[in-house]
Protein backbone atom coordinates (compact mmCIF):
# COMPACT_ATOMS: atom_id res chain seq x y z
CA MET A 1 69.17 138.18 124.65
CA THR A 2 70.04 137.94 120.98
CA GLN A 3 69.52 140.15 117.93
CA GLY A 4 70.06 139.62 114.24
CA ARG A 5 70.35 136.60 112.01
CA ALA A 6 71.42 133.41 113.77
CA ASP A 7 73.40 132.43 110.66
CA ALA A 8 75.14 135.80 110.24
CA PRO A 9 78.83 135.72 109.29
CA VAL A 10 79.73 138.00 112.24
CA VAL A 11 78.81 137.17 115.85
CA MET A 12 79.37 139.69 118.64
CA ILE A 13 79.21 138.09 122.10
CA GLU A 14 78.89 140.51 124.99
CA TYR A 15 79.28 139.64 128.68
CA SER A 16 78.39 142.50 130.99
CA ASP A 17 77.22 143.60 134.41
CA PHE A 18 74.31 146.03 134.49
CA GLN A 19 75.48 147.34 137.88
CA CYS A 20 78.75 148.59 136.38
CA PRO A 21 78.71 152.34 135.64
CA TYR A 22 80.93 151.86 132.58
CA ARG A 23 78.43 149.33 131.20
CA GLY A 24 75.72 151.96 131.64
CA MET A 25 77.72 154.50 129.64
CA PHE A 26 78.34 151.93 126.90
CA ALA A 27 74.62 151.05 126.78
CA ARG A 28 73.60 154.70 126.40
CA ASP A 29 76.38 156.09 124.23
CA THR A 30 77.90 153.35 122.11
CA GLU A 31 75.85 150.18 121.91
CA PRO A 32 72.78 151.54 120.06
CA GLU A 33 74.90 152.99 117.28
CA LEU A 34 77.08 149.89 117.12
CA ILE A 35 74.10 147.55 116.86
CA HIS A 36 72.11 149.69 114.45
CA ALA A 37 74.76 151.13 112.14
CA ALA A 38 78.00 149.17 112.30
CA LEU A 39 76.37 145.75 112.49
CA LEU A 40 73.57 146.67 110.09
CA ILE A 41 70.81 144.92 112.00
CA ARG A 42 67.42 146.16 110.85
CA GLN A 43 64.76 147.12 113.38
CA ASP A 44 62.63 144.12 112.46
CA GLY A 45 65.49 141.77 113.43
CA ARG A 46 65.88 140.41 109.91
CA GLY A 47 68.72 140.98 107.52
CA GLY A 48 72.03 142.42 108.58
CA ARG A 49 75.46 140.90 108.63
CA ALA A 50 75.82 140.31 112.35
CA HIS A 51 74.33 138.47 115.27
CA HIS A 52 74.55 140.05 118.74
CA VAL A 53 74.43 137.86 121.85
CA HIS A 54 74.20 139.42 125.30
CA SER A 55 74.74 137.67 128.61
CA ASP A 56 74.50 139.39 132.01
CA ARG A 57 77.50 138.20 134.02
CA PRO A 58 77.79 140.28 137.19
CA GLU A 59 81.01 140.17 139.13
CA ALA A 60 80.76 138.13 142.31
């Protein structure tokens, strides 16, 4: 999953495991604010100064 401009000057790459309880807390409490406010990605996916890339990498 990706969000934001592909050519943005800032790229945040996130590897996570959705089964991890700490990942759940991050997804509820921190990530929405980080993506929306700090990275300045608009709701329509255009504009902003960052590109967010998410990859689900569960621990084996």
